[in-house]
Amino acid sequence: MTRDICFDLDGTLTDSGPGIKNSVRYMLARCGLPPQTDAELDRFVGPPLMMSFQAFCGMTEAQAKQAIPVYRAYFKQTGIWENTVYPGIPGLLAALRAAGHRLYVVTGKPEIFARQILERFDLWQYFSHLQGIDLNEDVPTAKADLLGAVINRFGLDPARMVMVGDRRYDMEGAVAVGATPVGVLYGYGTRQELTAAGAAYLAPSVPALQGILLKE
């Protein structure tokens, strides 16, 4: 059966952790905040910045809004390219397209950055649409809302949709709209996190993900 398969970007298609974590390090230093360990910085890969800065840095909403441009000053110049495609992803996307599936990127990252990443790494060719957020978005956008925008734009049937991601936000979004949630364990979320959020399948590797998606 032909499916509409939505992919998260960070931690699912590319390992963007180094750039995101270095951007947070830059922001913390510029804002006079204590440094965090590498393990602590892993928490910032996936969630919206506003949510992360408040939850993991103890910022108020106003402080988080002021910190985001500081973070992006580093990210848009350097952090965006401290990033690599997970091995096997281009082959996976090509196989899914060859099987007739329609592919989308659904990310909480600003679209302008996500598009640059997809084009730089030659992944854009596989996708029908990119759904992200506006660069000036002041409030976190739930993954369910982003998926809903794709559903409404293309008239998709959620029962034929799959959402692939590495964090609970991806799984919760899929559950909320009625899509099949598929979690990947090679990214930044844990098995416990993904299972608790409703993952119907878990893929420990890209080849395992390919097997799930082509079978599903």
C-alpha atoms as a PDB file:
ATOM      1  CA  MET A   1       0.000   0.000   0.000  1.00  0.00           C
ATOM      2  CA  THR A   2       1.258   3.470  -0.903  1.00  0.00           C
ATOM      3  CA  ARG A   3       1.935   5.562   2.180  1.00  0.00           C
ATOM      4  CA  ASP A   4       2.552   9.199   3.014  1.00  0.00           C
ATOM      5  CA  ILE A   5       5.705   9.030   5.130  1.00  0.00           C
ATOM      6  CA  CYS A   6       6.747  12.048   7.191  1.00  0.00           C
ATOM      7  CA  PHE A   7      10.286  12.346   8.530  1.00  0.00           C
ATOM      8  CA  ASP A   8      11.631  14.463  11.336  1.00  0.00           C
ATOM      9  CA  LEU A   9      14.958  16.072  10.399  1.00  0.00           C
ATOM     10  CA  ASP A  10      17.231  16.391  13.449  1.00  0.00           C
ATOM     11  CA  GLY A  11      18.259  13.005  14.804  1.00  0.00           C
ATOM     12  CA  THR A  12      16.338  11.157  12.094  1.00  0.00           C
ATOM     13  CA  LEU A  13      17.704  12.134   8.685  1.00  0.00           C
ATOM     14  CA  THR A  14      20.826  13.947   9.872  1.00  0.00           C
ATOM     15  CA  ASP A  15      22.927  13.963  13.020  1.00  0.00           C
ATOM     16  CA  SER A  16      22.623  17.660  13.757  1.00  0.00           C
ATOM     17  CA  GLY A  17      23.603  17.245  17.407  1.00  0.00           C
ATOM     18  CA  PRO A  18      27.128  18.740  17.190  1.00  0.00           C
ATOM     19  CA  GLY A  19      25.891  21.982  15.618  1.00  0.00           C
ATOM     20  CA  ILE A  20      22.913  22.363  17.922  1.00  0.00           C
ATOM     21  CA  LYS A  21      25.006  21.685  21.021  1.00  0.00           C
ATOM     22  CA  ASN A  22      27.746  24.089  19.944  1.00  0.00           C
ATOM     23  CA  SER A  23      25.100  26.739  19.297  1.00  0.00           C
ATOM     24  CA  VAL A  24      23.730  26.226  22.818  1.00  0.00           C
ATOM     25  CA  ARG A  25      27.269  26.430  24.247  1.00  0.00           C
ATOM     26  CA  TYR A  26      27.731  29.746  22.441  1.00  0.00           C
ATOM     27  CA  MET A  27      24.397  31.055  23.745  1.00  0.00           C
ATOM     28  CA  LEU A  28      25.156  30.016  27.338  1.00  0.00           C
ATOM     29  CA  ALA A  29      28.542  31.746  27.260  1.00  0.00           C
ATOM     30  CA  ARG A  30      27.177  34.931  25.695  1.00  0.00           C
ATOM     31  CA  CYS A  31      24.286  35.063  28.170  1.00  0.00           C
ATOM     32  CA  GLY A  32      26.556  34.460  31.172  1.00  0.00           C
ATOM     33  CA  LEU A  33      24.965  31.120  32.063  1.00  0.00           C
ATOM     34  CA  PRO A  34      26.790  28.065  33.458  1.00  0.00           C
ATOM     35  CA  PRO A  35      28.126  25.575  30.898  1.00  0.00           C
ATOM     36  CA  GLN A  36      26.414  22.206  30.528  1.00  0.00           C
ATOM     37  CA  THR A  37      27.888  18.777  29.936  1.00  0.00           C
ATOM     38  CA  ASP A  38      27.715  17.101  26.559  1.00  0.00           C
ATOM     39  CA  ALA A  39      25.106  14.661  27.900  1.00  0.00           C
ATOM     40  CA  GLU A  40      22.992  17.539  29.195  1.00  0.00           C
ATOM     41  CA  LEU A  41      23.240  19.282  25.835  1.00  0.00           C
ATOM     42  CA  ASP A  42      21.760  16.210  24.117  1.00  0.00           C
ATOM     43  CA  ARG A  43      18.412  17.327  25.563  1.00  0.00           C
ATOM     44  CA  PHE A  44      18.375  20.298  23.191  1.00  0.00           C
ATOM     45  CA  VAL A  45      18.310  18.125  20.057  1.00  0.00           C
ATOM     46  CA  GLY A  46      14.670  17.782  19.083  1.00  0.00           C
ATOM     47  CA  PRO A  47      12.487  20.028  21.271  1.00  0.00           C
ATOM     48  CA  PRO A  48      11.601  23.605  20.224  1.00  0.00           C
ATOM     49  CA  LEU A  49      14.163  26.163  21.391  1.00  0.00           C
ATOM     50  CA  MET A  50      11.665  28.117  23.487  1.00  0.00           C
ATOM     51  CA  MET A  51      10.724  24.973  25.362  1.00  0.00           C
ATOM     52  CA  SER A  52      14.334  23.832  25.774  1.00  0.00           C
ATOM     53  CA  PHE A  53      15.661  27.144  27.039  1.00  0.00           C
ATOM     54  CA  GLN A  54      12.945  27.382  29.657  1.00  0.00           C
ATOM     55  CA  ALA A  55      13.098  23.725  30.729  1.00  0.00           C
ATOM     56  CA  PHE A  56      16.851  23.162  30.634  1.00  0.00           C
ATOM     57  CA  CYS A  57      18.277  26.635  31.297  1.00  0.00           C
ATOM     58  CA  GLY A  58      15.722  27.932  33.798  1.00  0.00           C
ATOM     59  CA  MET A  59      14.816  30.894  31.596  1.00  0.00           C
ATOM     60  CA  THR A  60      11.581  32.825  31.660  1.00  0.00           C
ATOM     61  CA  GLU A  61       9.655  33.101  28.400  1.00  0.00           C
ATOM     62  CA  ALA A  62      10.999  36.629  27.896  1.00  0.00           C
ATOM     63  CA  GLN A  63      14.581  35.484  28.510  1.00  0.00           C
ATOM     64  CA  ALA A  64      14.178  32.558  26.121  1.00  0.00           C
ATOM     65  CA  LYS A  65      12.947  34.910  23.385  1.00  0.00           C
ATOM     66  CA  GLN A  66      16.051  37.037  23.879  1.00  0.00           C
ATOM     67  CA  ALA A  67      18.349  34.012  23.851  1.00  0.00           C
ATOM     68  CA  ILE A  68      17.078  32.541  20.575  1.00  0.00           C
ATOM     69  CA  PRO A  69      18.722  35.207  18.325  1.00  0.00           C
ATOM     70  CA  VAL A  70      22.000  34.671  20.227  1.00  0.00           C
ATOM     71  CA  TYR A  71      21.787  30.929  19.571  1.00  0.00           C
ATOM     72  CA  ARG A  72      20.976  31.518  15.901  1.00  0.00           C
ATOM     73  CA  ALA A  73      23.873  33.944  15.438  1.00  0.00           C
ATOM     74  CA  TYR A  74      26.174  30.932  15.767  1.00  0.00           C
ATOM     75  CA  PHE A  75      23.845  28.365  14.224  1.00  0.00           C
ATOM     76  CA  LYS A  76      23.143  30.121  10.922  1.00  0.00           C
ATOM     77  CA  GLN A  77      26.842  30.706  10.241  1.00  0.00           C
ATOM     78  CA  THR A  78      28.505  27.575  11.617  1.00  0.00           C
ATOM     79  CA  GLY A  79      26.247  25.239  13.600  1.00  0.00           C
ATOM     80  CA  ILE A  80      23.981  24.472  10.667  1.00  0.00           C
ATOM     81  CA  TRP A  81      26.870  22.693   8.898  1.00  0.00           C
ATOM     82  CA  GLU A  82      28.204  20.855  11.956  1.00  0.00           C
ATOM     83  CA  ASN A  83      25.897  18.142  10.760  1.00  0.00           C
ATOM     84  CA  THR A  84      26.103  14.836   8.865  1.00  0.00           C
ATOM     85  CA  VAL A  85      23.619  12.571   7.078  1.00  0.00           C
ATOM     86  CA  TYR A  86      23.132   9.252   8.850  1.00  0.00           C
ATOM     87  CA  PRO A  87      24.657   6.421   6.786  1.00  0.00           C
ATOM     88  CA  GLY A  88      22.064   4.706   4.619  1.00  0.00           C
ATOM     89  CA  ILE A  89      19.525   7.546   4.590  1.00  0.00           C
ATOM     90  CA  PRO A  90      19.840   8.423   0.862  1.00  0.00           C
ATOM     91  CA  GLY A  91      19.411   4.745  -0.063  1.00  0.00           C
ATOM     92  CA  LEU A  92      16.402   4.458   2.250  1.00  0.00           C
ATOM     93  CA  LEU A  93      14.710   7.492   0.710  1.00  0.00           C
ATOM     94  CA  ALA A  94      15.422   6.283  -2.827  1.00  0.00           C
ATOM     95  CA  ALA A  95      13.961   2.859  -2.018  1.00  0.00           C
ATOM     96  CA  LEU A  96      10.822   4.360  -0.521  1.00  0.00           C
ATOM     97  CA  ARG A  97      10.299   6.612  -3.527  1.00  0.00           C
ATOM     98  CA  ALA A  98      10.882   3.683  -5.888  1.00  0.00           C
ATOM     99  CA  ALA A  99       8.194   1.754  -4.005  1.00  0.00           C
ATOM    100  CA  GLY A 100       5.726   4.569  -4.686  1.00  0.00           C
ATOM    101  CA  HIS A 101       5.584   6.178  -1.249  1.00  0.00           C
ATOM    102  CA  ARG A 102       5.264   9.957  -0.916  1.00  0.00           C
ATOM    103  CA  LEU A 103       7.792  11.551   1.429  1.00  0.00           C
ATOM    104  CA  TYR A 104       7.619  14.711   3.534  1.00  0.00           C
ATOM    105  CA  VAL A 105       9.874  16.438   6.073  1.00  0.00           C
ATOM    106  CA  VAL A 106       8.022  17.665   9.154  1.00  0.00           C
ATOM    107  CA  THR A 107      10.297  19.537  11.548  1.00  0.00           C
ATOM    108  CA  GLY A 108      10.129  22.088  14.333  1.00  0.00           C
ATOM    109  CA  LYS A 109      13.193  23.769  12.797  1.00  0.00           C
ATOM    110  CA  PRO A 110      12.698  26.995  10.806  1.00  0.00           C
ATOM    111  CA  GLU A 111      11.983  26.074   7.185  1.00  0.00           C
ATOM    112  CA  ILE A 112      14.757  28.322   5.876  1.00  0.00           C
ATOM    113  CA  PHE A 113      17.380  26.303   7.780  1.00  0.00           C
ATOM    114  CA  ALA A 114      15.800  22.909   7.080  1.00  0.00           C
ATOM    115  CA  ARG A 115      15.668  23.611   3.331  1.00  0.00           C
ATOM    116  CA  GLN A 116      19.341  24.655   3.288  1.00  0.00           C
ATOM    117  CA  ILE A 117      20.321  21.427   5.051  1.00  0.00           C
ATOM    118  CA  LEU A 118      18.264  19.219   2.743  1.00  0.00           C
ATOM    119  CA  GLU A 119      19.673  20.925  -0.337  1.00  0.00           C
ATOM    120  CA  ARG A 120      23.287  20.919   0.888  1.00  0.00           C
ATOM    121  CA  PHE A 121      23.170  17.184   1.570  1.00  0.00           C
ATOM    122  CA  ASP A 122      21.266  16.416  -1.656  1.00  0.00           C
ATOM    123  CA  LEU A 123      18.218  15.049   0.190  1.00  0.00           C
ATOM    124  CA  TRP A 124      15.625  17.535  -1.054  1.00  0.00           C
ATOM    125  CA  GLN A 125      15.171  15.603  -4.295  1.00  0.00           C
ATOM    126  CA  TYR A 126      13.332  12.817  -2.446  1.00  0.00           C
ATOM    127  CA  PHE A 127      10.640  14.923  -0.782  1.00  0.00           C
ATOM    128  CA  SER A 128       7.288  16.299  -1.893  1.00  0.00           C
ATOM    129  CA  HIS A 129       7.053  18.965   0.804  1.00  0.00           C
ATOM    130  CA  LEU A 130       8.826  20.518   3.770  1.00  0.00           C
ATOM    131  CA  GLN A 131       6.752  21.621   6.745  1.00  0.00           C
ATOM    132  CA  GLY A 132       8.639  23.610   9.351  1.00  0.00           C
ATOM    133  CA  ILE A 133       8.152  26.817  11.277  1.00  0.00           C
ATOM    134  CA  ASP A 134       8.590  30.469  10.427  1.00  0.00           C
ATOM    135  CA  LEU A 135      11.935  31.933  11.475  1.00  0.00           C
ATOM    136  CA  ASN A 136      10.125  34.509  13.613  1.00  0.00           C
ATOM    137  CA  GLU A 137       7.853  32.010  15.391  1.00  0.00           C
ATOM    138  CA  ASP A 138       7.682  33.107  19.026  1.00  0.00           C
ATOM    139  CA  VAL A 139       5.885  30.092  20.514  1.00  0.00           C
ATOM    140  CA  PRO A 140       6.639  26.360  20.220  1.00  0.00           C
ATOM    141  CA  THR A 141       4.701  24.644  17.444  1.00  0.00           C
ATOM    142  CA  ALA A 142       3.490  21.145  18.317  1.00  0.00           C
ATOM    143  CA  LYS A 143       4.388  18.374  15.897  1.00  0.00           C
ATOM    144  CA  ALA A 144       0.662  17.546  15.687  1.00  0.00           C
ATOM    145  CA  ASP A 145       0.014  21.043  14.309  1.00  0.00           C
ATOM    146  CA  LEU A 146       2.762  20.650  11.718  1.00  0.00           C
ATOM    147  CA  LEU A 147       1.397  17.269  10.664  1.00  0.00           C
ATOM    148  CA  GLY A 148      -2.085  18.753  10.558  1.00  0.00           C
ATOM    149  CA  ALA A 149      -0.866  21.427   8.161  1.00  0.00           C
ATOM    150  CA  VAL A 150       0.477  18.733   5.813  1.00  0.00           C
ATOM    151  CA  ILE A 151      -2.764  16.750   6.055  1.00  0.00           C
ATOM    152  CA  ASN A 152      -4.847  19.822   5.234  1.00  0.00           C
ATOM    153  CA  ARG A 153      -2.615  21.040   2.426  1.00  0.00           C
ATOM    154  CA  PHE A 154      -2.559  17.736   0.547  1.00  0.00           C
ATOM    155  CA  GLY A 155      -5.855  16.204   1.708  1.00  0.00           C
ATOM    156  CA  LEU A 156      -4.086  13.208   3.232  1.00  0.00           C
ATOM    157  CA  ASP A 157      -5.686  10.305   5.070  1.00  0.00           C
ATOM    158  CA  PRO A 158      -3.977   9.993   8.490  1.00  0.00           C
ATOM    159  CA  ALA A 159      -4.664   6.249   8.479  1.00  0.00           C
ATOM    160  CA  ARG A 160      -2.236   5.972   5.535  1.00  0.00           C
ATOM    161  CA  MET A 161       0.397   8.215   7.148  1.00  0.00           C
ATOM    162  CA  VAL A 162       3.570   7.358   9.024  1.00  0.00           C
ATOM    163  CA  MET A 163       5.606   9.729  11.194  1.00  0.00           C
ATOM    164  CA  VAL A 164       9.271   8.791  11.661  1.00  0.00           C
ATOM    165  CA  GLY A 165      11.254  10.510  14.401  1.00  0.00           C
ATOM    166  CA  ASP A 166      13.673  10.108  17.278  1.00  0.00           C
ATOM    167  CA  ARG A 167      11.911  12.012  20.073  1.00  0.00           C
ATOM    168  CA  ARG A 168       8.635  11.781  21.952  1.00  0.00           C
ATOM    169  CA  TYR A 169       7.325  14.909  20.227  1.00  0.00           C
ATOM    170  CA  ASP A 170       7.283  13.021  16.927  1.00  0.00           C
ATOM    171  CA  MET A 171       5.451  10.039  18.408  1.00  0.00           C
ATOM    172  CA  GLU A 172       2.946  12.203  20.286  1.00  0.00           C
ATOM    173  CA  GLY A 173       2.243  14.213  17.145  1.00  0.00           C
ATOM    174  CA  ALA A 174       1.590  11.068  15.131  1.00  0.00           C
ATOM    175  CA  VAL A 175      -0.746   9.667  17.782  1.00  0.00           C
ATOM    176  CA  ALA A 176      -2.633  12.976  17.974  1.00  0.00           C
ATOM    177  CA  VAL A 177      -3.447  13.032  14.249  1.00  0.00           C
ATOM    178  CA  GLY A 178      -4.002   9.285  13.849  1.00  0.00           C
ATOM    179  CA  ALA A 179      -0.795   8.461  11.941  1.00  0.00           C
ATOM    180  CA  THR A 180       1.472   5.478  12.626  1.00  0.00           C
ATOM    181  CA  PRO A 181       4.377   6.501  14.917  1.00  0.00           C
ATOM    182  CA  VAL A 182       7.757   4.944  14.083  1.00  0.00           C
ATOM    183  CA  GLY A 183      10.648   5.712  16.418  1.00  0.00           C
ATOM    184  CA  VAL A 184      14.326   5.500  15.528  1.00  0.00           C
ATOM    185  CA  LEU A 185      16.845   4.519  18.205  1.00  0.00           C
ATOM    186  CA  TYR A 186      19.943   5.799  16.395  1.00  0.00           C
ATOM    187  CA  GLY A 187      18.989   9.424  17.144  1.00  0.00           C
ATOM    188  CA  TYR A 188      18.669  11.282  20.444  1.00  0.00           C
ATOM    189  CA  GLY A 189      15.608   9.705  22.058  1.00  0.00           C
ATOM    190  CA  THR A 190      15.632   6.580  24.213  1.00  0.00           C
ATOM    191  CA  ARG A 191      13.659   3.384  23.819  1.00  0.00           C
ATOM    192  CA  GLN A 192      11.755   4.251  27.007  1.00  0.00           C
ATOM    193  CA  GLU A 193      10.917   7.764  25.790  1.00  0.00           C
ATOM    194  CA  LEU A 194       9.657   6.586  22.411  1.00  0.00           C
ATOM    195  CA  THR A 195       7.692   3.635  23.770  1.00  0.00           C
ATOM    196  CA  ALA A 196       6.009   5.766  26.440  1.00  0.00           C
ATOM    197  CA  ALA A 197       5.032   8.283  23.759  1.00  0.00           C
ATOM    198  CA  GLY A 198       3.224   5.623  21.714  1.00  0.00           C
ATOM    199  CA  ALA A 199       5.708   4.344  19.139  1.00  0.00           C
ATOM    200  CA  ALA A 200       4.154   1.479  17.188  1.00  0.00           C
ATOM    201  CA  TYR A 201       7.558   0.370  15.864  1.00  0.00           C
ATOM    202  CA  LEU A 202      11.160   0.978  16.919  1.00  0.00           C
ATOM    203  CA  ALA A 203      14.072   0.908  14.478  1.00  0.00           C
ATOM    204  CA  PRO A 204      17.565   0.467  15.956  1.00  0.00           C
ATOM    205  CA  SER A 205      19.211   1.276  12.627  1.00  0.00           C
ATOM    206  CA  VAL A 206      18.517   2.730   9.186  1.00  0.00           C
ATOM    207  CA  PRO A 207      18.363  -0.755   7.558  1.00  0.00           C
ATOM    208  CA  ALA A 208      15.846  -1.803  10.225  1.00  0.00           C
ATOM    209  CA  LEU A 209      13.829   1.345   9.511  1.00  0.00           C
ATOM    210  CA  GLN A 210      13.800   0.498   5.811  1.00  0.00           C
ATOM    211  CA  GLY A 211      12.464  -2.961   6.611  1.00  0.00           C
ATOM    212  CA  ILE A 212       9.682  -1.534   8.758  1.00  0.00           C
ATOM    213  CA  LEU A 213       8.628   1.125   6.244  1.00  0.00           C
ATOM    214  CA  LEU A 214       8.662  -1.125   3.193  1.00  0.00           C
ATOM    215  CA  LYS A 215       6.748  -3.812   5.065  1.00  0.00           C
ATOM    216  CA  GLU A 216       4.342  -1.339   6.667  1.00  0.00           C
END
